[in-house]
Amino acid sequence: MRKESRENFDWEINYMNSNNVTALAGVDEVGRGPLAGPVVVASVVMPHTDFIGGIKDSKKISEKRREELFEIIKSEAVEYKIESVERDIIDECNILNATKLGMVRAIEEIETKCDLFLVDGNNIRLATERRVEYLVKGDALSYSIGAASILAKVTRDRLMREYDEIYPMYEFAKNKGYGTAAHIDAIKKYGPCPIHRRTFIKNFV
């Protein structure tokens, strides 16, 4: 059996030691780009006593392995929160502000005392009094952000599979709401459904 790399785990331990951090939460989002469905944000406080192999950027893990890690992370995490911001909020306040809203909720609902919330991406100035730092490509570098990305990705994918059963003509189980050619053709043919982001599809309807 191939030994799993623990590079992001060791990076995070070193980061914590260098920044005087005893406990941190990783924060990541999934679903900023799709034409349909929510943006999902997860925050998670992982224990740093035991290493869970395979935790990394969710986009680089097979769907089967993501599902397995999703359950392991939930059972092993000190605490986690998952927030979905639905398409009506996205249309009302734009995707950036909707993402910020989800991140703030996911951060502020964590009850574990954390010295730091490590957020994937650039500085987007979240309106929270919690200590937040931003890490570009954090889902690859940070063990905790990688865990958050898996929680967010699996949650959103499951939601889109549920929507696929309600609106099968859009093939949400396959495209997860992203703007594939087949998805755009379906929007043009059938019009939008209730989970389509109206501000994202105005060129197609």
N, C-alpha and C. Protein backbone atom coordinates (compact mmCIF):
# COMPACT_ATOMS: atom_id res chain seq x y z
N MET A 1 0.85 -1.20 0.00
CA MET A 1 0.00 0.00 0.00
C MET A 1 0.88 1.25 0.00
N ARG A 2 0.59 2.18 -0.89
CA ARG A 2 1.38 3.40 -0.99
C ARG A 2 1.22 4.27 0.25
N LYS A 3 2.34 4.72 0.77
CA LYS A 3 2.31 5.59 1.94
C LYS A 3 1.84 6.97 1.54
N GLU A 4 0.84 7.48 2.26
CA GLU A 4 0.29 8.81 1.94
C GLU A 4 1.27 9.90 2.37
N SER A 5 1.42 10.90 1.52
CA SER A 5 2.26 12.04 1.86
C SER A 5 1.63 12.83 3.02
N ARG A 6 2.48 13.27 3.93
CA ARG A 6 1.99 14.10 5.03
C ARG A 6 2.60 15.50 4.95
N GLU A 7 2.94 15.90 3.73
CA GLU A 7 3.60 17.19 3.54
C GLU A 7 2.74 18.34 4.05
N ASN A 8 1.42 18.32 3.75
CA ASN A 8 0.57 19.44 4.18
C ASN A 8 0.35 19.42 5.69
N PHE A 9 0.36 18.23 6.29
CA PHE A 9 0.24 18.12 7.75
C PHE A 9 1.47 18.71 8.42
N ASP A 10 2.65 18.34 7.94
CA ASP A 10 3.90 18.88 8.50
C ASP A 10 4.01 20.38 8.25
N TRP A 11 3.57 20.82 7.05
CA TRP A 11 3.58 22.27 6.77
C TRP A 11 2.74 23.01 7.81
N GLU A 12 1.56 22.46 8.09
CA GLU A 12 0.64 23.13 9.03
C GLU A 12 1.21 23.16 10.45
N ILE A 13 1.82 22.08 10.89
CA ILE A 13 2.45 22.06 12.22
C ILE A 13 3.53 23.14 12.30
N ASN A 14 4.35 23.23 11.28
CA ASN A 14 5.40 24.25 11.26
C ASN A 14 4.82 25.66 11.23
N TYR A 15 3.74 25.83 10.45
CA TYR A 15 3.06 27.13 10.37
C TYR A 15 2.52 27.54 11.74
N MET A 16 1.89 26.59 12.42
CA MET A 16 1.34 26.87 13.74
C MET A 16 2.44 27.24 14.74
N ASN A 17 3.52 26.49 14.71
CA ASN A 17 4.63 26.77 15.63
C ASN A 17 5.25 28.14 15.35
N SER A 18 5.37 28.47 14.06
CA SER A 18 6.00 29.74 13.68
C SER A 18 5.12 30.94 14.01
N ASN A 19 3.80 30.71 14.09
CA ASN A 19 2.87 31.82 14.32
C ASN A 19 2.22 31.78 15.70
N ASN A 20 2.80 30.99 16.60
CA ASN A 20 2.31 30.93 17.98
C ASN A 20 0.85 30.52 18.05
N VAL A 21 0.46 29.55 17.26
CA VAL A 21 -0.92 29.10 17.17
C VAL A 21 -1.03 27.72 17.81
N THR A 22 -1.95 27.57 18.75
CA THR A 22 -2.16 26.27 19.37
C THR A 22 -3.34 25.52 18.75
N ALA A 23 -4.30 26.26 18.19
CA ALA A 23 -5.44 25.62 17.53
C ALA A 23 -5.89 26.50 16.37
N LEU A 24 -6.16 25.87 15.23
CA LEU A 24 -6.64 26.64 14.09
C LEU A 24 -7.77 25.88 13.39
N ALA A 25 -8.52 26.63 12.59
CA ALA A 25 -9.56 26.04 11.74
C ALA A 25 -9.23 26.35 10.30
N GLY A 26 -9.43 25.39 9.43
CA GLY A 26 -9.30 25.61 8.00
C GLY A 26 -10.65 25.97 7.40
N VAL A 27 -10.66 26.86 6.44
CA VAL A 27 -11.91 27.32 5.82
C VAL A 27 -11.75 27.30 4.30
N ASP A 28 -12.75 26.72 3.61
CA ASP A 28 -12.70 26.71 2.15
C ASP A 28 -14.11 26.69 1.59
N GLU A 29 -14.23 27.07 0.33
CA GLU A 29 -15.53 27.10 -0.34
C GLU A 29 -15.49 26.30 -1.63
N VAL A 30 -16.66 25.90 -2.07
CA VAL A 30 -16.83 25.22 -3.35
C VAL A 30 -18.07 25.78 -4.02
N GLY A 31 -17.98 26.05 -5.32
CA GLY A 31 -19.18 26.42 -6.07
C GLY A 31 -19.32 27.88 -6.41
N ARG A 32 -18.22 28.61 -6.54
CA ARG A 32 -18.35 30.01 -6.94
C ARG A 32 -18.65 30.14 -8.43
N GLY A 33 -18.19 29.20 -9.24
CA GLY A 33 -18.30 29.33 -10.68
C GLY A 33 -19.52 28.77 -11.37
N PRO A 34 -20.26 27.82 -10.78
CA PRO A 34 -21.36 27.19 -11.50
C PRO A 34 -22.50 28.14 -11.85
N LEU A 35 -23.31 27.70 -12.79
CA LEU A 35 -24.49 28.46 -13.20
C LEU A 35 -25.70 28.15 -12.31
N ALA A 36 -25.59 27.11 -11.50
CA ALA A 36 -26.74 26.69 -10.69
C ALA A 36 -26.26 26.14 -9.36
N GLY A 37 -27.17 26.22 -8.38
CA GLY A 37 -26.88 25.65 -7.08
C GLY A 37 -26.21 26.62 -6.13
N PRO A 38 -26.00 26.18 -4.89
CA PRO A 38 -25.42 27.06 -3.88
C PRO A 38 -23.91 27.12 -3.94
N VAL A 39 -23.35 28.08 -3.24
CA VAL A 39 -21.94 28.05 -2.89
C VAL A 39 -21.89 27.47 -1.48
N VAL A 40 -20.98 26.54 -1.25
CA VAL A 40 -20.90 25.84 0.03
C VAL A 40 -19.56 26.13 0.68
N VAL A 41 -19.60 26.49 1.95
CA VAL A 41 -18.39 26.80 2.72
C VAL A 41 -18.30 25.86 3.90
N ALA A 42 -17.09 25.38 4.17
CA ALA A 42 -16.87 24.55 5.35
C ALA A 42 -15.73 25.12 6.17
N SER A 43 -15.85 24.99 7.47
CA SER A 43 -14.75 25.28 8.39
C SER A 43 -14.57 24.05 9.26
N VAL A 44 -13.33 23.73 9.57
CA VAL A 44 -13.08 22.52 10.34
C VAL A 44 -11.84 22.68 11.22
N VAL A 45 -11.97 22.21 12.44
CA VAL A 45 -10.86 22.16 13.39
C VAL A 45 -10.40 20.70 13.45
N MET A 46 -9.22 20.43 12.93
CA MET A 46 -8.70 19.08 12.90
C MET A 46 -7.73 18.85 14.06
N PRO A 47 -7.71 17.64 14.62
CA PRO A 47 -6.69 17.32 15.62
C PRO A 47 -5.33 17.21 14.95
N HIS A 48 -4.28 17.61 15.65
CA HIS A 48 -2.94 17.53 15.09
C HIS A 48 -2.10 16.48 15.81
N THR A 49 -2.79 15.56 16.45
CA THR A 49 -2.11 14.45 17.11
C THR A 49 -2.01 13.24 16.18
N ASP A 50 -3.04 13.04 15.36
CA ASP A 50 -3.06 11.92 14.42
C ASP A 50 -3.23 12.43 13.00
N PHE A 51 -2.46 11.88 12.08
CA PHE A 51 -2.50 12.26 10.67
C PHE A 51 -3.47 11.35 9.91
N ILE A 52 -4.36 11.96 9.13
CA ILE A 52 -5.27 11.20 8.28
C ILE A 52 -4.74 11.28 6.85
N GLY A 53 -4.34 10.17 6.30
CA GLY A 53 -3.76 10.15 4.96
C GLY A 53 -4.78 10.48 3.88
N GLY A 54 -4.33 11.21 2.88
CA GLY A 54 -5.18 11.49 1.72
C GLY A 54 -5.87 12.82 1.73
N ILE A 55 -5.81 13.56 2.84
CA ILE A 55 -6.45 14.87 2.89
C ILE A 55 -5.62 15.87 2.10
N LYS A 56 -6.26 16.45 1.07
CA LYS A 56 -5.62 17.46 0.23
C LYS A 56 -6.70 18.17 -0.56
N ASP A 57 -6.31 18.98 -1.51
CA ASP A 57 -7.24 19.68 -2.38
C ASP A 57 -8.27 18.69 -2.93
N SER A 58 -9.55 18.95 -2.65
CA SER A 58 -10.61 18.00 -3.01
C SER A 58 -10.69 17.74 -4.51
N LYS A 59 -10.25 18.69 -5.32
CA LYS A 59 -10.31 18.53 -6.78
C LYS A 59 -9.32 17.48 -7.27
N LYS A 60 -8.35 17.13 -6.44
CA LYS A 60 -7.32 16.18 -6.83
C LYS A 60 -7.56 14.79 -6.24
N ILE A 61 -8.78 14.56 -5.75
CA ILE A 61 -9.13 13.27 -5.14
C ILE A 61 -10.31 12.69 -5.91
N SER A 62 -10.32 11.40 -6.10
CA SER A 62 -11.45 10.77 -6.77
C SER A 62 -12.73 10.93 -5.96
N GLU A 63 -13.87 10.86 -6.63
CA GLU A 63 -15.14 11.02 -5.93
C GLU A 63 -15.31 9.96 -4.84
N LYS A 64 -14.94 8.73 -5.14
CA LYS A 64 -15.06 7.66 -4.14
C LYS A 64 -14.21 7.96 -2.91
N ARG A 65 -12.97 8.39 -3.11
CA ARG A 65 -12.09 8.68 -1.99
C ARG A 65 -12.57 9.91 -1.22
N ARG A 66 -13.09 10.91 -1.92
CA ARG A 66 -13.65 12.08 -1.23
C ARG A 66 -14.77 11.67 -0.28
N GLU A 67 -15.64 10.78 -0.77
CA GLU A 67 -16.76 10.33 0.06
C GLU A 67 -16.25 9.60 1.30
N GLU A 68 -15.22 8.79 1.14
CA GLU A 68 -14.63 8.09 2.28
C GLU A 68 -14.02 9.07 3.28
N LEU A 69 -13.24 10.02 2.76
CA LEU A 69 -12.59 11.00 3.63
C LEU A 69 -13.60 11.91 4.31
N PHE A 70 -14.69 12.21 3.62
CA PHE A 70 -15.75 13.04 4.20
C PHE A 70 -16.22 12.44 5.52
N GLU A 71 -16.49 11.16 5.53
CA GLU A 71 -16.97 10.50 6.75
C GLU A 71 -15.88 10.44 7.81
N ILE A 72 -14.64 10.18 7.39
CA ILE A 72 -13.53 10.13 8.35
C ILE A 72 -13.31 11.49 8.99
N ILE A 73 -13.30 12.54 8.18
CA ILE A 73 -13.09 13.89 8.70
C ILE A 73 -14.18 14.26 9.69
N LYS A 74 -15.43 13.98 9.35
CA LYS A 74 -16.52 14.31 10.26
C LYS A 74 -16.39 13.58 11.59
N SER A 75 -15.94 12.34 11.55
CA SER A 75 -15.84 11.56 12.78
C SER A 75 -14.61 11.94 13.62
N GLU A 76 -13.54 12.40 12.95
CA GLU A 76 -12.29 12.70 13.65
C GLU A 76 -12.12 14.17 14.02
N ALA A 77 -12.84 15.05 13.36
CA ALA A 77 -12.67 16.49 13.58
C ALA A 77 -13.04 16.88 15.02
N VAL A 78 -12.33 17.86 15.53
CA VAL A 78 -12.70 18.44 16.82
C VAL A 78 -14.07 19.12 16.69
N GLU A 79 -14.24 19.82 15.57
CA GLU A 79 -15.51 20.50 15.27
C GLU A 79 -15.51 20.89 13.80
N TYR A 80 -16.69 20.94 13.21
CA TYR A 80 -16.80 21.43 11.84
C TYR A 80 -18.16 22.09 11.64
N LYS A 81 -18.21 22.99 10.68
CA LYS A 81 -19.46 23.64 10.28
C LYS A 81 -19.51 23.69 8.76
N ILE A 82 -20.69 23.49 8.20
CA ILE A 82 -20.87 23.56 6.75
C ILE A 82 -22.04 24.50 6.47
N GLU A 83 -21.80 25.49 5.63
CA GLU A 83 -22.81 26.50 5.30
C GLU A 83 -23.09 26.50 3.80
N SER A 84 -24.37 26.51 3.45
CA SER A 84 -24.77 26.66 2.05
C SER A 84 -25.44 28.01 1.86
N VAL A 85 -25.01 28.75 0.85
CA VAL A 85 -25.63 30.03 0.52
C VAL A 85 -26.34 29.82 -0.82
N GLU A 86 -27.66 29.94 -0.80
CA GLU A 86 -28.46 29.55 -1.95
C GLU A 86 -28.43 30.60 -3.07
N ARG A 87 -28.95 30.20 -4.21
CA ARG A 87 -28.82 31.01 -5.42
C ARG A 87 -29.55 32.35 -5.31
N ASP A 88 -30.64 32.44 -4.53
CA ASP A 88 -31.33 33.73 -4.44
C ASP A 88 -30.46 34.77 -3.74
N ILE A 89 -29.69 34.33 -2.74
CA ILE A 89 -28.76 35.25 -2.07
C ILE A 89 -27.63 35.61 -3.02
N ILE A 90 -27.14 34.63 -3.79
CA ILE A 90 -26.08 34.89 -4.77
C ILE A 90 -26.54 35.94 -5.78
N ASP A 91 -27.77 35.79 -6.27
CA ASP A 91 -28.30 36.75 -7.24
C ASP A 91 -28.52 38.12 -6.61
N GLU A 92 -28.87 38.13 -5.34
CA GLU A 92 -29.18 39.40 -4.67
C GLU A 92 -27.93 40.21 -4.36
N CYS A 93 -26.87 39.53 -3.91
CA CYS A 93 -25.71 40.30 -3.42
C CYS A 93 -24.41 40.01 -4.17
N ASN A 94 -24.42 39.17 -5.17
CA ASN A 94 -23.31 38.73 -6.02
C ASN A 94 -22.52 37.61 -5.35
N ILE A 95 -21.79 36.87 -6.16
CA ILE A 95 -21.14 35.64 -5.68
C ILE A 95 -20.04 35.93 -4.66
N LEU A 96 -19.31 37.03 -4.82
CA LEU A 96 -18.25 37.33 -3.86
C LEU A 96 -18.84 37.59 -2.48
N ASN A 97 -19.87 38.43 -2.42
CA ASN A 97 -20.46 38.73 -1.12
C ASN A 97 -21.19 37.53 -0.53
N ALA A 98 -21.77 36.70 -1.39
CA ALA A 98 -22.41 35.48 -0.89
C ALA A 98 -21.37 34.54 -0.29
N THR A 99 -20.21 34.46 -0.94
CA THR A 99 -19.13 33.62 -0.42
C THR A 99 -18.63 34.16 0.91
N LYS A 100 -18.47 35.47 1.00
CA LYS A 100 -18.06 36.09 2.27
C LYS A 100 -19.06 35.77 3.37
N LEU A 101 -20.36 35.87 3.04
CA LEU A 101 -21.40 35.58 4.02
C LEU A 101 -21.28 34.15 4.53
N GLY A 102 -21.10 33.20 3.61
CA GLY A 102 -20.95 31.81 4.01
C GLY A 102 -19.72 31.60 4.87
N MET A 103 -18.62 32.26 4.51
CA MET A 103 -17.39 32.11 5.28
C MET A 103 -17.53 32.66 6.69
N VAL A 104 -18.13 33.83 6.80
CA VAL A 104 -18.31 34.43 8.13
C VAL A 104 -19.19 33.53 8.99
N ARG A 105 -20.25 33.00 8.43
CA ARG A 105 -21.11 32.10 9.19
C ARG A 105 -20.35 30.87 9.64
N ALA A 106 -19.60 30.27 8.71
CA ALA A 106 -18.86 29.05 9.03
C ALA A 106 -17.78 29.30 10.08
N ILE A 107 -17.20 30.48 10.06
CA ILE A 107 -16.17 30.85 11.04
C ILE A 107 -16.80 31.12 12.40
N GLU A 108 -17.83 31.93 12.42
CA GLU A 108 -18.36 32.38 13.70
C GLU A 108 -19.19 31.32 14.41
N GLU A 109 -19.60 30.27 13.72
CA GLU A 109 -20.33 29.20 14.37
C GLU A 109 -19.42 28.17 15.03
N ILE A 110 -18.12 28.26 14.77
CA ILE A 110 -17.17 27.37 15.45
C ILE A 110 -17.06 27.78 16.92
N GLU A 111 -17.33 26.85 17.80
CA GLU A 111 -17.29 27.14 19.23
C GLU A 111 -15.94 26.82 19.86
N THR A 112 -15.16 25.97 19.21
CA THR A 112 -13.82 25.65 19.70
C THR A 112 -12.97 26.92 19.71
N LYS A 113 -12.21 27.10 20.77
CA LYS A 113 -11.35 28.29 20.85
C LYS A 113 -10.19 28.12 19.87
N CYS A 114 -10.19 28.92 18.83
CA CYS A 114 -9.14 28.86 17.81
C CYS A 114 -8.35 30.17 17.81
N ASP A 115 -7.05 30.05 17.73
CA ASP A 115 -6.21 31.23 17.63
C ASP A 115 -6.26 31.84 16.24
N LEU A 116 -6.65 31.00 15.26
CA LEU A 116 -6.55 31.44 13.87
C LEU A 116 -7.52 30.67 12.99
N PHE A 117 -8.11 31.38 12.03
CA PHE A 117 -8.90 30.76 10.96
C PHE A 117 -8.12 30.97 9.67
N LEU A 118 -7.70 29.86 9.07
CA LEU A 118 -6.88 29.90 7.87
C LEU A 118 -7.79 29.68 6.67
N VAL A 119 -7.91 30.71 5.83
CA VAL A 119 -8.87 30.72 4.73
C VAL A 119 -8.16 30.57 3.40
N ASP A 120 -8.68 29.69 2.56
CA ASP A 120 -8.10 29.50 1.23
C ASP A 120 -8.36 30.72 0.36
N GLY A 121 -7.34 31.20 -0.33
CA GLY A 121 -7.53 32.29 -1.27
C GLY A 121 -6.83 33.57 -0.87
N ASN A 122 -7.16 34.64 -1.61
CA ASN A 122 -6.60 35.96 -1.34
C ASN A 122 -7.36 36.66 -0.23
N ASN A 123 -6.82 37.76 0.21
CA ASN A 123 -7.47 38.56 1.26
C ASN A 123 -8.78 39.13 0.74
N ILE A 124 -9.92 38.60 1.24
CA ILE A 124 -11.21 39.12 0.80
C ILE A 124 -11.92 39.88 1.92
N ARG A 125 -11.19 40.19 2.99
CA ARG A 125 -11.67 41.10 4.04
C ARG A 125 -13.02 40.66 4.61
N LEU A 126 -13.01 39.58 5.32
CA LEU A 126 -14.22 39.08 5.96
C LEU A 126 -14.58 39.94 7.17
N ALA A 127 -15.87 40.19 7.32
CA ALA A 127 -16.36 41.04 8.41
C ALA A 127 -16.56 40.19 9.66
N THR A 128 -15.44 39.85 10.29
CA THR A 128 -15.48 39.06 11.51
C THR A 128 -14.38 39.55 12.44
N GLU A 129 -14.62 39.40 13.74
CA GLU A 129 -13.60 39.79 14.71
C GLU A 129 -12.63 38.65 15.00
N ARG A 130 -12.90 37.48 14.44
CA ARG A 130 -11.96 36.37 14.60
C ARG A 130 -10.68 36.66 13.83
N ARG A 131 -9.59 36.10 14.30
CA ARG A 131 -8.31 36.28 13.61
C ARG A 131 -8.30 35.40 12.36
N VAL A 132 -8.17 36.05 11.21
CA VAL A 132 -8.22 35.36 9.92
C VAL A 132 -6.95 35.66 9.14
N GLU A 133 -6.39 34.63 8.52
CA GLU A 133 -5.30 34.80 7.57
C GLU A 133 -5.65 34.06 6.30
N TYR A 134 -5.12 34.55 5.18
CA TYR A 134 -5.47 34.01 3.87
C TYR A 134 -4.26 33.32 3.26
N LEU A 135 -4.52 32.23 2.59
CA LEU A 135 -3.45 31.42 2.04
C LEU A 135 -3.79 31.03 0.61
N VAL A 136 -3.06 31.60 -0.35
CA VAL A 136 -3.27 31.25 -1.75
C VAL A 136 -2.89 29.79 -1.97
N LYS A 137 -3.76 29.05 -2.66
CA LYS A 137 -3.60 27.60 -2.86
C LYS A 137 -3.54 26.87 -1.53
N GLY A 138 -4.31 27.39 -0.59
CA GLY A 138 -4.30 26.81 0.75
C GLY A 138 -4.83 25.40 0.81
N ASP A 139 -5.73 25.03 -0.13
CA ASP A 139 -6.27 23.66 -0.10
C ASP A 139 -5.21 22.63 -0.44
N ALA A 140 -4.12 23.07 -1.08
CA ALA A 140 -3.00 22.17 -1.35
C ALA A 140 -1.94 22.23 -0.26
N LEU A 141 -1.75 23.40 0.33
CA LEU A 141 -0.69 23.59 1.32
C LEU A 141 -1.09 23.15 2.72
N SER A 142 -2.32 23.47 3.10
CA SER A 142 -2.76 23.30 4.49
C SER A 142 -3.62 22.06 4.66
N TYR A 143 -3.29 21.26 5.65
CA TYR A 143 -4.03 20.05 5.99
C TYR A 143 -5.47 20.38 6.36
N SER A 144 -5.67 21.41 7.18
CA SER A 144 -7.02 21.76 7.64
C SER A 144 -7.86 22.37 6.52
N ILE A 145 -7.26 23.21 5.68
CA ILE A 145 -8.01 23.75 4.54
C ILE A 145 -8.36 22.62 3.58
N GLY A 146 -7.44 21.68 3.38
CA GLY A 146 -7.75 20.52 2.54
C GLY A 146 -8.95 19.75 3.08
N ALA A 147 -9.00 19.58 4.39
CA ALA A 147 -10.14 18.89 5.01
C ALA A 147 -11.43 19.67 4.79
N ALA A 148 -11.36 21.00 4.92
CA ALA A 148 -12.54 21.84 4.70
C ALA A 148 -13.00 21.75 3.25
N SER A 149 -12.05 21.68 2.32
CA SER A 149 -12.42 21.60 0.90
C SER A 149 -13.16 20.30 0.61
N ILE A 150 -12.77 19.22 1.27
CA ILE A 150 -13.45 17.94 1.07
C ILE A 150 -14.86 17.99 1.64
N LEU A 151 -15.02 18.57 2.83
CA LEU A 151 -16.36 18.69 3.41
C LEU A 151 -17.27 19.51 2.52
N ALA A 152 -16.75 20.63 2.00
CA ALA A 152 -17.57 21.50 1.15
C ALA A 152 -17.90 20.83 -0.18
N LYS A 153 -16.91 20.20 -0.79
CA LYS A 153 -17.10 19.58 -2.11
C LYS A 153 -18.10 18.43 -2.06
N VAL A 154 -17.95 17.54 -1.10
CA VAL A 154 -18.86 16.39 -1.01
C VAL A 154 -20.27 16.86 -0.69
N THR A 155 -20.40 17.83 0.21
CA THR A 155 -21.73 18.35 0.54
C THR A 155 -22.40 18.92 -0.69
N ARG A 156 -21.68 19.73 -1.45
CA ARG A 156 -22.28 20.36 -2.63
C ARG A 156 -22.60 19.33 -3.71
N ASP A 157 -21.70 18.38 -3.93
CA ASP A 157 -21.95 17.36 -4.94
C ASP A 157 -23.19 16.53 -4.59
N ARG A 158 -23.37 16.22 -3.33
CA ARG A 158 -24.56 15.47 -2.91
C ARG A 158 -25.83 16.28 -3.16
N LEU A 159 -25.77 17.57 -2.88
CA LEU A 159 -26.92 18.43 -3.13
C LEU A 159 -27.26 18.45 -4.63
N MET A 160 -26.23 18.55 -5.46
CA MET A 160 -26.48 18.62 -6.90
C MET A 160 -27.02 17.30 -7.44
N ARG A 161 -26.62 16.19 -6.85
CA ARG A 161 -27.21 14.91 -7.25
C ARG A 161 -28.69 14.83 -6.86
N GLU A 162 -29.03 15.42 -5.73
CA GLU A 162 -30.44 15.48 -5.33
C GLU A 162 -31.23 16.35 -6.29
N TYR A 163 -30.65 17.48 -6.69
CA TYR A 163 -31.33 18.35 -7.65
C TYR A 163 -31.48 17.67 -9.01
N ASP A 164 -30.54 16.80 -9.35
CA ASP A 164 -30.61 16.08 -10.62
C ASP A 164 -31.86 15.21 -10.68
N GLU A 165 -32.29 14.68 -9.55
CA GLU A 165 -33.49 13.85 -9.53
C GLU A 165 -34.75 14.69 -9.74
N ILE A 166 -34.68 15.95 -9.34
CA ILE A 166 -35.83 16.85 -9.50
C ILE A 166 -35.85 17.47 -10.89
N TYR A 167 -34.68 17.83 -11.39
CA TYR A 167 -34.56 18.50 -12.69
C TYR A 167 -33.59 17.72 -13.59
N PRO A 168 -33.96 16.52 -14.03
CA PRO A 168 -33.02 15.65 -14.74
C PRO A 168 -32.56 16.19 -16.09
N MET A 169 -33.33 17.08 -16.68
CA MET A 169 -32.96 17.56 -18.02
C MET A 169 -31.65 18.36 -18.04
N TYR A 170 -31.21 18.85 -16.87
CA TYR A 170 -29.98 19.65 -16.82
C TYR A 170 -28.74 18.83 -16.49
N GLU A 171 -28.91 17.57 -16.13
CA GLU A 171 -27.80 16.66 -15.82
C GLU A 171 -26.90 17.20 -14.70
N PHE A 172 -27.52 17.67 -13.63
CA PHE A 172 -26.74 18.24 -12.52
C PHE A 172 -25.82 17.21 -11.85
N ALA A 173 -26.21 15.94 -11.86
CA ALA A 173 -25.34 14.92 -11.27
C ALA A 173 -24.02 14.83 -12.01
N LYS A 174 -24.05 15.14 -13.29
CA LYS A 174 -22.85 15.06 -14.12
C LYS A 174 -22.07 16.37 -14.09
N ASN A 175 -22.74 17.50 -14.28
CA ASN A 175 -22.03 18.78 -14.43
C ASN A 175 -21.92 19.58 -13.14
N LYS A 176 -22.65 19.17 -12.10
CA LYS A 176 -22.64 19.84 -10.79
C LYS A 176 -23.00 21.33 -10.90
N GLY A 177 -23.71 21.68 -11.97
CA GLY A 177 -24.15 23.06 -12.15
C GLY A 177 -23.21 23.91 -12.98
N TYR A 178 -22.06 23.37 -13.33
CA TYR A 178 -21.11 24.15 -14.13
C TYR A 178 -21.60 24.29 -15.58
N GLY A 179 -21.05 25.27 -16.27
CA GLY A 179 -21.56 25.65 -17.57
C GLY A 179 -21.01 24.84 -18.72
N THR A 180 -21.27 23.55 -18.71
CA THR A 180 -20.88 22.71 -19.84
C THR A 180 -21.75 23.06 -21.04
N ALA A 181 -21.30 22.64 -22.21
CA ALA A 181 -22.08 22.91 -23.43
C ALA A 181 -23.47 22.28 -23.34
N ALA A 182 -23.54 21.05 -22.83
CA ALA A 182 -24.83 20.36 -22.71
C ALA A 182 -25.75 21.08 -21.72
N HIS A 183 -25.17 21.58 -20.65
CA HIS A 183 -25.97 22.30 -19.65
C HIS A 183 -26.53 23.60 -20.24
N ILE A 184 -25.69 24.33 -20.94
CA ILE A 184 -26.14 25.58 -21.55
C ILE A 184 -27.23 25.31 -22.60
N ASP A 185 -27.05 24.26 -23.36
CA ASP A 185 -28.06 23.89 -24.36
C ASP A 185 -29.40 23.57 -23.67
N ALA A 186 -29.33 22.91 -22.51
CA ALA A 186 -30.56 22.57 -21.78
C ALA A 186 -31.24 23.82 -21.25
N ILE A 187 -30.46 24.79 -20.81
CA ILE A 187 -31.05 26.06 -20.35
C ILE A 187 -31.76 26.75 -21.50
N LYS A 188 -31.14 26.76 -22.66
CA LYS A 188 -31.75 27.39 -23.83
C LYS A 188 -33.03 26.67 -24.26
N LYS A 189 -33.03 25.35 -24.10
CA LYS A 189 -34.18 24.56 -24.53
C LYS A 189 -35.33 24.61 -23.53
N TYR A 190 -35.01 24.45 -22.24
CA TYR A 190 -36.05 24.31 -21.21
C TYR A 190 -36.25 25.58 -20.37
N GLY A 191 -35.32 26.53 -20.51
CA GLY A 191 -35.36 27.69 -19.63
C GLY A 191 -34.74 27.35 -18.29
N PRO A 192 -34.61 28.33 -17.40
CA PRO A 192 -34.00 28.08 -16.10
C PRO A 192 -34.94 27.36 -15.14
N CYS A 193 -34.35 26.64 -14.21
CA CYS A 193 -35.11 26.03 -13.12
C CYS A 193 -34.87 26.85 -11.86
N PRO A 194 -35.55 26.56 -10.77
CA PRO A 194 -35.43 27.40 -9.57
C PRO A 194 -34.04 27.53 -8.97
N ILE A 195 -33.12 26.60 -9.26
CA ILE A 195 -31.80 26.73 -8.64
C ILE A 195 -30.78 27.40 -9.56
N HIS A 196 -31.19 27.81 -10.75
CA HIS A 196 -30.27 28.52 -11.63
C HIS A 196 -30.03 29.93 -11.13
N ARG A 197 -28.79 30.36 -11.18
CA ARG A 197 -28.41 31.72 -10.78
C ARG A 197 -28.76 32.67 -11.93
N ARG A 198 -29.77 33.47 -11.72
CA ARG A 198 -30.25 34.32 -12.82
C ARG A 198 -29.20 35.29 -13.32
N THR A 199 -28.34 35.78 -12.42
CA THR A 199 -27.32 36.72 -12.83
C THR A 199 -26.19 36.04 -13.59
N PHE A 200 -26.14 34.70 -13.55
CA PHE A 200 -25.09 33.96 -14.25
C PHE A 200 -25.54 33.50 -15.64
N ILE A 201 -26.85 33.43 -15.86
CA ILE A 201 -27.34 32.81 -17.11
C ILE A 201 -28.06 33.81 -18.00
N LYS A 202 -27.94 35.09 -17.72
CA LYS A 202 -28.73 36.09 -18.47
C LYS A 202 -28.35 36.11 -19.95
N ASN A 203 -27.18 35.62 -20.30
CA ASN A 203 -26.79 35.57 -21.72
C ASN A 203 -27.39 34.37 -22.45
N PHE A 204 -28.00 33.46 -21.70
CA PHE A 204 -28.52 32.22 -22.31
C PHE A 204 -30.04 32.17 -22.36
N VAL A 205 -30.72 33.12 -21.75
CA VAL A 205 -32.20 33.07 -21.70
C VAL A 205 -32.79 34.36 -22.26
